[in-house]
Amino acid sequence: MSFPLFIARRIYRTPRDKKRVSRPAITIATAGIAIGLAVMIASVCIVIGFKHSIRDKVIGFGSHIQVTNFMNQMDGDQSPVAVGDSMMNVIKHISGVKHAERFAYKQGVLKTDNDFLGVMFEGLGQEFDSTFFHQHLVAGSLPHFSDSQASNELAISQAMADKLRLRTGDRVFAYFIDNNGVRMRRFKITGIYQTNLSQYDNLMCLTDLYTTIKLNGWKEDQATGIAVTVNDFNKVDQVDQYFVSKINKHTDHYGQTYVAQTIRELNPQIFSWLDLLDVNVYIILLLMMAVATVTMISGLLIIILERTTMIGTLKSLGARNKTIRHIFLWFAVFIIGKGLLIGNLVGIGLCLIQKYFGIVRLDPATYYVNTVPIELNVPLIVLLNIATLFISVFVLIAPSYLVSHIHPAKTMKYE
């Protein structure tokens, strides 16, 4: 064991003397580190949890990548593209693709005896991955999704059900207006979902692919597009490049042009808003790190002044300034380590309580979630601990040079 480390441990383990000035300073410095780290852990876990909660909801409605008709970008209409087995096979064999499914949109109006509501019908086939909607299903069950027969079943959101006063098992008329006039279908409400993402909850109804294709007057191998899920969302832009080279600007046998877009390109406002949340985290991290370092600097200066006699004695015995500085830096490491331990216990503990008990609740109409979402990211927490330790020690290097101004002959007056 090195000499500075040995002396620092002896000082740190010395029985507490209530008359010592340094004890309150050490307590304050430890509390500053602990509170700073706890706030940083909570901030990171909350922002990551919030971003991923909203992102997953947007992806649940739109998947990672959508292959649609290029003309839809120009005029906003639901122009179809061919989505036969050949195109599905091409997409499924693109590197990074996990799942692909067809979908078709059709605008319509739901009408009850007392009210009506404009909605978007999303038709889905048997290959549809319903995991997301099963997680947010609040009543009933999802419709039978098929591309070969009409189920006349419909899943609506809780917001639609409240506006139209509908429940599972009820039947509702839907009206569709296009160039062929007005057509009417009668659907049975089989399920009600709730994601709290209002711009989708107020609009999207789920039914079978066969019904929407027939209502649009399309061929059997046509649809609005293909929704693609990739293996790793962080690599979605990389996978999209494969789509650009293999899919984009190619035409189907109806003469329609394919185009692939990522969920970020389809919803730039939402993802830009989520990216802005990172700025808040950076500000909080800087403020908490500043608080922790200031308290540590103050504590170290008080400890050095209090140990002036010890410094003079060590210098008279031949200890160099560098050795003495290392003693106090090691002492600071012990204080920081205790603060990190307390901060981890408090920060992670509060996050776990919120994650499993949802004590802090939010207004879903404003924040899109019922409770404050938490996502514990172990690598980031470890990184926060390491960064706090190294930054705190680094900023103490300059104050530690105070020991070089203490002369053994002048230390007697501190007795």
Foldseek 3Di string as FASTA:
>chain_A
DDPLLVLLVCVLPPPDDPVAPLPVLLVLLLQLLQVLLLVLQQLVFLLVQLLVLVVVVLCLVFNFKWKFFPCCVVPVDLDKAFQDPVNLVVLCPQPQFDAKWFKAKAWKKWDDPPDIATAIEIATAPRDDCVVQVVFWDDFDQFRAHLPDFRLEKEAEPVVCVVRVDDQQDKIKMWHQDPVGIDIGIHGYGTYGYQLPVVHNRHYMYGYRNVRCVVVVHDSRMHRTMHTHGPDSVCSVVSQVSCCVVAAQDHDPVRTGIDMDTSCVVCVPSVVVSVVSVVVSVVSSVVSLVSSLVSLLVSLLSVCVLCLQVLLVCVVVPDDLVSQLSSSLSSSLVSSVSSLVSSCCSNVVVLVCCAVPQPAADDSNPSSGGGSGGDRDVVVSVVSSVVSSVVSSVSNSVSSSVSVVRHSVPSVVSD
